[in-house]
Amino acid sequence: MAREGDRFERSDAPAADETAREARAWLGVRFTCAGAYLRAFKSADGTEYRVTCPRCAKCVRFAVGEGGTDQRFFEVSC
Protein backbone atom coordinates (compact mmCIF):
# COMPACT_ATOMS: atom_id res chain seq x y z
CA MET A 1 0.00 0.00 0.00
CA ALA A 2 1.36 3.41 -0.95
CA ARG A 3 1.91 5.96 1.78
CA GLU A 4 1.81 9.71 1.55
CA GLY A 5 5.09 11.02 0.13
CA ASP A 6 5.98 7.78 -1.70
CA ARG A 7 7.42 8.36 -5.14
CA PHE A 8 7.04 6.02 -8.08
CA GLU A 9 9.04 6.06 -11.32
CA ARG A 10 8.89 3.94 -14.43
CA SER A 11 11.24 1.02 -14.03
CA ASP A 12 12.26 1.01 -17.70
CA ALA A 13 13.40 4.66 -17.68
CA PRO A 14 16.65 5.93 -16.10
CA ALA A 15 16.30 8.07 -13.00
CA ALA A 16 16.63 11.81 -13.58
CA ASP A 17 19.99 12.02 -11.80
CA GLU A 18 21.38 9.09 -13.87
CA THR A 19 20.40 10.81 -17.12
CA ALA A 20 22.19 14.01 -16.09
CA ARG A 21 25.33 12.06 -15.11
CA GLU A 22 25.46 10.18 -18.42
CA ALA A 23 25.16 13.36 -20.45
CA ARG A 24 28.35 14.84 -18.99
CA ALA A 25 31.50 13.70 -20.80
CA TRP A 26 34.46 12.52 -18.71
CA LEU A 27 37.92 10.93 -18.87
CA GLY A 28 39.30 8.41 -16.39
CA VAL A 29 42.60 9.49 -14.82
CA ARG A 30 44.75 7.36 -12.50
CA PHE A 31 47.26 9.31 -10.41
CA THR A 32 50.11 6.87 -9.75
CA CYS A 33 51.68 8.97 -6.97
CA ALA A 34 48.44 8.97 -4.99
CA GLY A 35 47.17 5.57 -6.05
CA ALA A 36 43.87 7.26 -6.88
CA TYR A 37 41.47 7.06 -9.79
CA LEU A 38 39.40 10.17 -10.60
CA ARG A 39 37.12 11.37 -13.36
CA ALA A 40 37.99 14.53 -15.27
CA PHE A 41 34.83 16.19 -16.55
CA LYS A 42 34.62 18.30 -19.70
CA SER A 43 34.53 22.05 -19.10
CA ALA A 44 31.32 23.99 -19.71
CA ASP A 45 32.73 25.51 -22.91
CA GLY A 46 33.82 22.05 -24.18
CA THR A 47 37.47 22.94 -24.77
CA GLU A 48 39.19 20.86 -22.08
CA TYR A 49 39.07 18.33 -19.27
CA ARG A 50 40.71 19.23 -15.92
CA VAL A 51 41.45 17.16 -12.85
CA THR A 52 43.55 17.70 -9.72
CA CYS A 53 45.71 15.12 -7.94
CA PRO A 54 44.30 14.45 -4.45
CA ARG A 55 47.80 14.07 -2.95
CA CYS A 56 49.99 16.81 -4.45
CA ALA A 57 47.26 19.11 -5.91
CA LYS A 58 48.86 19.14 -9.37
CA CYS A 59 46.27 20.21 -11.95
CA VAL A 60 46.26 18.25 -15.21
CA ARG A 61 44.60 19.62 -18.34
CA PHE A 62 43.52 17.59 -21.38
CA ALA A 63 42.76 19.80 -24.39
CA VAL A 64 39.93 18.91 -26.76
CA GLY A 65 40.65 19.45 -30.41
CA GLU A 66 41.21 18.16 -33.90
CA GLY A 67 43.84 15.46 -34.27
CA GLY A 68 43.46 14.33 -30.66
CA THR A 69 42.97 10.83 -29.32
CA ASP A 70 39.87 8.77 -28.71
CA GLN A 71 41.50 7.25 -25.61
CA ARG A 72 39.29 7.63 -22.49
CA PHE A 73 41.66 6.52 -19.70
CA PHE A 74 45.02 8.01 -18.74
CA GLU A 75 47.75 7.47 -16.15
CA VAL A 76 49.49 10.50 -14.65
CA SER A 77 52.61 10.52 -12.48
CA CYS A 78 53.14 13.70 -10.46
PDB file of N, CA and C in Angstrom:
ATOM      1  N   MET A   1       0.838  -1.178   0.000  1.00  0.00           N
ATOM      2  CA  MET A   1       0.000   0.000   0.000  1.00  0.00           C
ATOM      3  C   MET A   1       0.889   1.249   0.000  1.00  0.00           C
ATOM      4  N   ALA A   2       0.576   2.178  -0.850  1.00  0.00           N
ATOM      5  CA  ALA A   2       1.358   3.408  -0.950  1.00  0.00           C
ATOM      6  C   ALA A   2       1.040   4.338   0.214  1.00  0.00           C
ATOM      7  N   ARG A   3       2.076   4.991   0.705  1.00  0.00           N
ATOM      8  CA  ARG A   3       1.910   5.963   1.782  1.00  0.00           C
ATOM      9  C   ARG A   3       2.110   7.358   1.234  1.00  0.00           C
ATOM     10  N   GLU A   4       1.642   8.322   1.962  1.00  0.00           N
ATOM     11  CA  GLU A   4       1.806   9.712   1.545  1.00  0.00           C
ATOM     12  C   GLU A   4       3.300  10.028   1.431  1.00  0.00           C
ATOM     13  N   GLY A   5       3.703  10.666   0.350  1.00  0.00           N
ATOM     14  CA  GLY A   5       5.091  11.022   0.130  1.00  0.00           C
ATOM     15  C   GLY A   5       5.882   9.988  -0.660  1.00  0.00           C
ATOM     16  N   ASP A   6       5.301   8.786  -0.888  1.00  0.00           N
ATOM     17  CA  ASP A   6       5.977   7.781  -1.705  1.00  0.00           C
ATOM     18  C   ASP A   6       6.075   8.278  -3.133  1.00  0.00           C
ATOM     19  N   ARG A   7       7.192   7.961  -3.755  1.00  0.00           N
ATOM     20  CA  ARG A   7       7.421   8.364  -5.145  1.00  0.00           C
ATOM     21  C   ARG A   7       7.549   7.131  -6.004  1.00  0.00           C
ATOM     22  N   PHE A   8       6.952   7.147  -7.167  1.00  0.00           N
ATOM     23  CA  PHE A   8       7.041   6.020  -8.085  1.00  0.00           C
ATOM     24  C   PHE A   8       7.565   6.507  -9.421  1.00  0.00           C
ATOM     25  N   GLU A   9       8.492   5.743 -10.009  1.00  0.00           N
ATOM     26  CA  GLU A   9       9.045   6.063 -11.322  1.00  0.00           C
ATOM     27  C   GLU A   9       8.937   4.846 -12.206  1.00  0.00           C
ATOM     28  N   ARG A  10       8.909   5.061 -13.491  1.00  0.00           N
ATOM     29  CA  ARG A  10       8.894   3.939 -14.432  1.00  0.00           C
ATOM     30  C   ARG A  10      10.168   3.135 -14.258  1.00  0.00           C
ATOM     31  N   SER A  11      10.061   1.849 -14.225  1.00  0.00           N
ATOM     32  CA  SER A  11      11.245   1.016 -14.027  1.00  0.00           C
ATOM     33  C   SER A  11      12.083   0.876 -15.285  1.00  0.00           C
ATOM     34  N   ASP A  12      11.512   1.150 -16.453  1.00  0.00           N
ATOM     35  CA  ASP A  12      12.260   1.011 -17.702  1.00  0.00           C
ATOM     36  C   ASP A  12      12.928   2.311 -18.135  1.00  0.00           C
ATOM     37  N   ALA A  13      12.779   3.375 -17.353  1.00  0.00           N
ATOM     38  CA  ALA A  13      13.397   4.663 -17.685  1.00  0.00           C
ATOM     39  C   ALA A  13      14.469   4.978 -16.644  1.00  0.00           C
ATOM     40  N   PRO A  14      15.608   5.576 -17.082  1.00  0.00           N
ATOM     41  CA  PRO A  14      16.650   5.926 -16.104  1.00  0.00           C
ATOM     42  C   PRO A  14      16.154   7.016 -15.169  1.00  0.00           C
ATOM     43  N   ALA A  15      16.640   7.015 -13.952  1.00  0.00           N
ATOM     44  CA  ALA A  15      16.297   8.068 -13.000  1.00  0.00           C
ATOM     45  C   ALA A  15      16.843   9.394 -13.507  1.00  0.00           C
ATOM     46  N   ALA A  16      16.231  10.486 -13.099  1.00  0.00           N
ATOM     47  CA  ALA A  16      16.626  11.812 -13.582  1.00  0.00           C
ATOM     48  C   ALA A  16      18.097  12.097 -13.303  1.00  0.00           C
ATOM     49  N   ASP A  17      18.594  11.739 -12.121  1.00  0.00           N
ATOM     50  CA  ASP A  17      19.995  12.021 -11.804  1.00  0.00           C
ATOM     51  C   ASP A  17      20.945  11.156 -12.624  1.00  0.00           C
ATOM     52  N   GLU A  18      20.544   9.948 -13.019  1.00  0.00           N
ATOM     53  CA  GLU A  18      21.376   9.090 -13.868  1.00  0.00           C
ATOM     54  C   GLU A  18      21.479   9.680 -15.264  1.00  0.00           C
ATOM     55  N   THR A  19      20.395  10.214 -15.794  1.00  0.00           N
ATOM     56  CA  THR A  19      20.396  10.813 -17.120  1.00  0.00           C
ATOM     57  C   THR A  19      21.348  11.999 -17.160  1.00  0.00           C
ATOM     58  N   ALA A  20      21.309  12.835 -16.138  1.00  0.00           N
ATOM     59  CA  ALA A  20      22.189  14.007 -16.089  1.00  0.00           C
ATOM     60  C   ALA A  20      23.642  13.578 -16.020  1.00  0.00           C
ATOM     61  N   ARG A  21      23.955  12.534 -15.247  1.00  0.00           N
ATOM     62  CA  ARG A  21      25.326  12.061 -15.113  1.00  0.00           C
ATOM     63  C   ARG A  21      25.852  11.522 -16.438  1.00  0.00           C
ATOM     64  N   GLU A  22      25.028  10.778 -17.160  1.00  0.00           N
ATOM     65  CA  GLU A  22      25.456  10.177 -18.418  1.00  0.00           C
ATOM     66  C   GLU A  22      25.716  11.227 -19.487  1.00  0.00           C
ATOM     67  N   ALA A  23      25.021  12.336 -19.435  1.00  0.00           N
ATOM     68  CA  ALA A  23      25.156  13.365 -20.452  1.00  0.00           C
ATOM     69  C   ALA A  23      26.467  14.133 -20.345  1.00  0.00           C
ATOM     70  N   ARG A  24      27.115  14.087 -19.202  1.00  0.00           N
ATOM     71  CA  ARG A  24      28.353  14.844 -18.985  1.00  0.00           C
ATOM     72  C   ARG A  24      29.560  13.994 -19.345  1.00  0.00           C
ATOM     73  N   ALA A  25      30.326  14.442 -20.321  1.00  0.00           N
ATOM     74  CA  ALA A  25      31.500  13.702 -20.796  1.00  0.00           C
ATOM     75  C   ALA A  25      32.623  13.719 -19.761  1.00  0.00           C
ATOM     76  N   TRP A  26      33.369  12.615 -19.672  1.00  0.00           N
ATOM     77  CA  TRP A  26      34.458  12.517 -18.713  1.00  0.00           C
ATOM     78  C   TRP A  26      35.573  11.623 -19.231  1.00  0.00           C
ATOM     79  N   LEU A  27      36.756  11.780 -18.628  1.00  0.00           N
ATOM     80  CA  LEU A  27      37.918  10.932 -18.870  1.00  0.00           C
ATOM     81  C   LEU A  27      38.294  10.280 -17.540  1.00  0.00           C
ATOM     82  N   GLY A  28      38.806   9.071 -17.591  1.00  0.00           N
ATOM     83  CA  GLY A  28      39.305   8.407 -16.389  1.00  0.00           C
ATOM     84  C   GLY A  28      40.793   8.695 -16.242  1.00  0.00           C
ATOM     85  N   VAL A  29      41.198   9.145 -15.062  1.00  0.00           N
ATOM     86  CA  VAL A  29      42.597   9.488 -14.815  1.00  0.00           C
ATOM     87  C   VAL A  29      43.067   8.777 -13.546  1.00  0.00           C
ATOM     88  N   ARG A  30      44.157   8.022 -13.668  1.00  0.00           N
ATOM     89  CA  ARG A  30      44.749   7.362 -12.501  1.00  0.00           C
ATOM     90  C   ARG A  30      46.027   8.104 -12.144  1.00  0.00           C
ATOM     91  N   PHE A  31      46.072   8.638 -10.917  1.00  0.00           N
ATOM     92  CA  PHE A  31      47.261   9.314 -10.414  1.00  0.00           C
ATOM     93  C   PHE A  31      48.104   8.266  -9.713  1.00  0.00           C
ATOM     94  N   THR A  32      49.262   7.926 -10.301  1.00  0.00           N
ATOM     95  CA  THR A  32      50.106   6.870  -9.749  1.00  0.00           C
ATOM     96  C   THR A  32      50.726   7.260  -8.418  1.00  0.00           C
ATOM     97  N   CYS A  33      51.052   8.531  -8.225  1.00  0.00           N
ATOM     98  CA  CYS A  33      51.682   8.965  -6.971  1.00  0.00           C
ATOM     99  C   CYS A  33      50.716   8.846  -5.796  1.00  0.00           C
ATOM    100  N   ALA A  34      49.438   9.020  -6.057  1.00  0.00           N
ATOM    101  CA  ALA A  34      48.442   8.974  -4.986  1.00  0.00           C
ATOM    102  C   ALA A  34      47.720   7.631  -4.932  1.00  0.00           C
ATOM    103  N   GLY A  35      47.895   6.829  -5.985  1.00  0.00           N
ATOM    104  CA  GLY A  35      47.173   5.569  -6.051  1.00  0.00           C
ATOM    105  C   GLY A  35      45.679   5.793  -6.139  1.00  0.00           C
ATOM    106  N   ALA A  36      45.280   6.880  -6.808  1.00  0.00           N
ATOM    107  CA  ALA A  36      43.868   7.259  -6.878  1.00  0.00           C
ATOM    108  C   ALA A  36      43.383   7.310  -8.314  1.00  0.00           C
ATOM    109  N   TYR A  37      42.117   6.973  -8.490  1.00  0.00           N
ATOM    110  CA  TYR A  37      41.465   7.065  -9.785  1.00  0.00           C
ATOM    111  C   TYR A  37      40.381   8.125  -9.670  1.00  0.00           C
ATOM    112  N   LEU A  38      40.396   9.095 -10.602  1.00  0.00           N
ATOM    113  CA  LEU A  38      39.400  10.168 -10.603  1.00  0.00           C
ATOM    114  C   LEU A  38      38.823  10.343 -11.998  1.00  0.00           C
ATOM    115  N   ARG A  39      37.709  10.996 -12.071  1.00  0.00           N
ATOM    116  CA  ARG A  39      37.121  11.369 -13.359  1.00  0.00           C
ATOM    117  C   ARG A  39      37.396  12.845 -13.613  1.00  0.00           C
ATOM    118  N   ALA A  40      37.803  13.142 -14.843  1.00  0.00           N
ATOM    119  CA  ALA A  40      37.990  14.526 -15.272  1.00  0.00           C
ATOM    120  C   ALA A  40      36.804  14.855 -16.164  1.00  0.00           C
ATOM    121  N   PHE A  41      36.023  15.839 -15.779  1.00  0.00           N
ATOM    122  CA  PHE A  41      34.835  16.193 -16.545  1.00  0.00           C
ATOM    123  C   PHE A  41      35.136  17.317 -17.533  1.00  0.00           C
ATOM    124  N   LYS A  42      34.434  17.287 -18.659  1.00  0.00           N
ATOM    125  CA  LYS A  42      34.619  18.296 -19.701  1.00  0.00           C
ATOM    126  C   LYS A  42      34.142  19.652 -19.187  1.00  0.00           C
ATOM    127  N   SER A  43      34.886  20.693 -19.520  1.00  0.00           N
ATOM    128  CA  SER A  43      34.529  22.055 -19.103  1.00  0.00           C
ATOM    129  C   SER A  43      33.223  22.481 -19.761  1.00  0.00           C
ATOM    130  N   ALA A  44      32.607  23.495 -19.197  1.00  0.00           N
ATOM    131  CA  ALA A  44      31.325  23.994 -19.711  1.00  0.00           C
ATOM    132  C   ALA A  44      31.426  24.464 -21.153  1.00  0.00           C
ATOM    133  N   ASP A  45      32.579  25.032 -21.534  1.00  0.00           N
ATOM    134  CA  ASP A  45      32.732  25.511 -22.915  1.00  0.00           C
ATOM    135  C   ASP A  45      33.194  24.405 -23.870  1.00  0.00           C
ATOM    136  N   GLY A  46      33.477  23.201 -23.339  1.00  0.00           N
ATOM    137  CA  GLY A  46      33.818  22.054 -24.177  1.00  0.00           C
ATOM    138  C   GLY A  46      35.220  22.033 -24.741  1.00  0.00           C
ATOM    139  N   THR A  47      36.125  22.849 -24.209  1.00  0.00           N
ATOM    140  CA  THR A  47      37.474  22.938 -24.770  1.00  0.00           C
ATOM    141  C   THR A  47      38.516  22.090 -24.053  1.00  0.00           C
ATOM    142  N   GLU A  48      38.190  21.604 -22.838  1.00  0.00           N
ATOM    143  CA  GLU A  48      39.187  20.856 -22.082  1.00  0.00           C
ATOM    144  C   GLU A  48      38.557  20.012 -20.976  1.00  0.00           C
ATOM    145  N   TYR A  49      39.389  19.113 -20.459  1.00  0.00           N
ATOM    146  CA  TYR A  49      39.068  18.333 -19.268  1.00  0.00           C
ATOM    147  C   TYR A  49      40.131  18.707 -18.243  1.00  0.00           C
ATOM    148  N   ARG A  50      39.743  18.907 -16.983  1.00  0.00           N
ATOM    149  CA  ARG A  50      40.711  19.234 -15.919  1.00  0.00           C
ATOM    150  C   ARG A  50      40.453  18.344 -14.726  1.00  0.00           C
ATOM    151  N   VAL A  51      41.551  17.961 -14.066  1.00  0.00           N
ATOM    152  CA  VAL A  51      41.453  17.160 -12.851  1.00  0.00           C
ATOM    153  C   VAL A  51      42.659  17.477 -11.985  1.00  0.00           C
ATOM    154  N   THR A  52      42.495  17.373 -10.663  1.00  0.00           N
ATOM    155  CA  THR A  52      43.552  17.700  -9.721  1.00  0.00           C
ATOM    156  C   THR A  52      43.916  16.472  -8.890  1.00  0.00           C
ATOM    157  N   CYS A  53      45.217  16.235  -8.742  1.00  0.00           N
ATOM    158  CA  CYS A  53      45.706  15.121  -7.937  1.00  0.00           C
ATOM    159  C   CYS A  53      45.311  15.329  -6.478  1.00  0.00           C
ATOM    160  N   PRO A  54      44.726  14.303  -5.849  1.00  0.00           N
ATOM    161  CA  PRO A  54      44.305  14.454  -4.454  1.00  0.00           C
ATOM    162  C   PRO A  54      45.470  14.492  -3.454  1.00  0.00           C
ATOM    163  N   ARG A  55      46.661  14.068  -3.864  1.00  0.00           N
ATOM    164  CA  ARG A  55      47.804  14.067  -2.947  1.00  0.00           C
ATOM    165  C   ARG A  55      48.641  15.344  -3.074  1.00  0.00           C
ATOM    166  N   CYS A  56      49.069  15.672  -4.288  1.00  0.00           N
ATOM    167  CA  CYS A  56      49.991  16.808  -4.447  1.00  0.00           C
ATOM    168  C   CYS A  56      49.322  18.064  -5.018  1.00  0.00           C
ATOM    169  N   ALA A  57      48.050  17.986  -5.386  1.00  0.00           N
ATOM    170  CA  ALA A  57      47.258  19.106  -5.910  1.00  0.00           C
ATOM    171  C   ALA A  57      47.703  19.592  -7.290  1.00  0.00           C
ATOM    172  N   LYS A  58      48.464  18.768  -8.022  1.00  0.00           N
ATOM    173  CA  LYS A  58      48.857  19.137  -9.375  1.00  0.00           C
ATOM    174  C   LYS A  58      47.608  19.082 -10.268  1.00  0.00           C
ATOM    175  N   CYS A  59      47.406  20.140 -11.036  1.00  0.00           N
ATOM    176  CA  CYS A  59      46.269  20.207 -11.954  1.00  0.00           C
ATOM    177  C   CYS A  59      46.721  19.717 -13.329  1.00  0.00           C
ATOM    178  N   VAL A  60      45.950  18.792 -13.892  1.00  0.00           N
ATOM    179  CA  VAL A  60      46.260  18.246 -15.211  1.00  0.00           C
ATOM    180  C   VAL A  60      45.153  18.657 -16.163  1.00  0.00           C
ATOM    181  N   ARG A  61      45.539  19.128 -17.335  1.00  0.00           N
ATOM    182  CA  ARG A  61      44.600  19.619 -18.339  1.00  0.00           C
ATOM    183  C   ARG A  61      44.715  18.771 -19.597  1.00  0.00           C
ATOM    184  N   PHE A  62      43.585  18.336 -20.119  1.00  0.00           N
ATOM    185  CA  PHE A  62      43.522  17.594 -21.380  1.00  0.00           C
ATOM    186  C   PHE A  62      42.742  18.455 -22.362  1.00  0.00           C
ATOM    187  N   ALA A  63      43.410  18.943 -23.402  1.00  0.00           N
ATOM    188  CA  ALA A  63      42.757  19.796 -24.388  1.00  0.00           C
ATOM    189  C   ALA A  63      41.900  18.961 -25.331  1.00  0.00           C
ATOM    190  N   VAL A  64      40.810  19.546 -25.781  1.00  0.00           N
ATOM    191  CA  VAL A  64      39.930  18.913 -26.761  1.00  0.00           C
ATOM    192  C   VAL A  64      40.175  19.604 -28.089  1.00  0.00           C
ATOM    193  N   GLY A  65      40.424  18.817 -29.123  1.00  0.00           N
ATOM    194  CA  GLY A  65      40.654  19.450 -30.413  1.00  0.00           C
ATOM    195  C   GLY A  65      40.859  18.447 -31.524  1.00  0.00           C
ATOM    196  N   GLU A  66      40.996  18.970 -32.705  1.00  0.00           N
ATOM    197  CA  GLU A  66      41.210  18.160 -33.896  1.00  0.00           C
ATOM    198  C   GLU A  66      42.556  17.444 -33.812  1.00  0.00           C
ATOM    199  N   GLY A  67      42.597  16.217 -34.265  1.00  0.00           N
ATOM    200  CA  GLY A  67      43.837  15.458 -34.272  1.00  0.00           C
ATOM    201  C   GLY A  67      44.175  14.861 -32.918  1.00  0.00           C
ATOM    202  N   GLY A  68      43.235  14.866 -31.998  1.00  0.00           N
ATOM    203  CA  GLY A  68      43.464  14.326 -30.661  1.00  0.00           C
ATOM    204  C   GLY A  68      43.344  12.810 -30.647  1.00  0.00           C
ATOM    205  N   THR A  69      43.080  12.268 -29.492  1.00  0.00           N
ATOM    206  CA  THR A  69      42.966  10.832 -29.321  1.00  0.00           C
ATOM    207  C   THR A  69      41.541  10.459 -28.919  1.00  0.00           C
ATOM    208  N   ASP A  70      41.180   9.226 -29.172  1.00  0.00           N
ATOM    209  CA  ASP A  70      39.875   8.766 -28.710  1.00  0.00           C
ATOM    210  C   ASP A  70      40.032   7.930 -27.440  1.00  0.00           C
ATOM    211  N   GLN A  71      41.226   7.956 -26.857  1.00  0.00           N
ATOM    212  CA  GLN A  71      41.503   7.250 -25.607  1.00  0.00           C
ATOM    213  C   GLN A  71      40.701   7.910 -24.481  1.00  0.00           C
ATOM    214  N   ARG A  72      40.136   7.110 -23.570  1.00  0.00           N
ATOM    215  CA  ARG A  72      39.295   7.625 -22.491  1.00  0.00           C
ATOM    216  C   ARG A  72      39.910   7.483 -21.102  1.00  0.00           C
ATOM    217  N   PHE A  73      41.031   6.740 -20.998  1.00  0.00           N
ATOM    218  CA  PHE A  73      41.663   6.524 -19.698  1.00  0.00           C
ATOM    219  C   PHE A  73      43.147   6.865 -19.778  1.00  0.00           C
ATOM    220  N   PHE A  74      43.642   7.557 -18.751  1.00  0.00           N
ATOM    221  CA  PHE A  74      45.022   8.010 -18.740  1.00  0.00           C
ATOM    222  C   PHE A  74      45.654   7.753 -17.383  1.00  0.00           C
ATOM    223  N   GLU A  75      46.988   7.614 -17.377  1.00  0.00           N
ATOM    224  CA  GLU A  75      47.753   7.465 -16.154  1.00  0.00           C
ATOM    225  C   GLU A  75      48.678   8.660 -16.038  1.00  0.00           C
ATOM    226  N   VAL A  76      48.685   9.301 -14.875  1.00  0.00           N
ATOM    227  CA  VAL A  76      49.489  10.498 -14.645  1.00  0.00           C
ATOM    228  C   VAL A  76      50.388  10.257 -13.439  1.00  0.00           C
ATOM    229  N   SER A  77      51.660  10.621 -13.580  1.00  0.00           N
ATOM    230  CA  SER A  77      52.607  10.522 -12.480  1.00  0.00           C
ATOM    231  C   SER A  77      53.033  11.937 -12.111  1.00  0.00           C
ATOM    232  N   CYS A  78      52.836  12.321 -10.875  1.00  0.00           N
ATOM    233  CA  CYS A  78      53.143  13.700 -10.457  1.00  0.00           C
ATOM    234  C   CYS A  78      54.532  13.805  -9.861  1.00  0.00           C
TER     235      CYS A  78
END
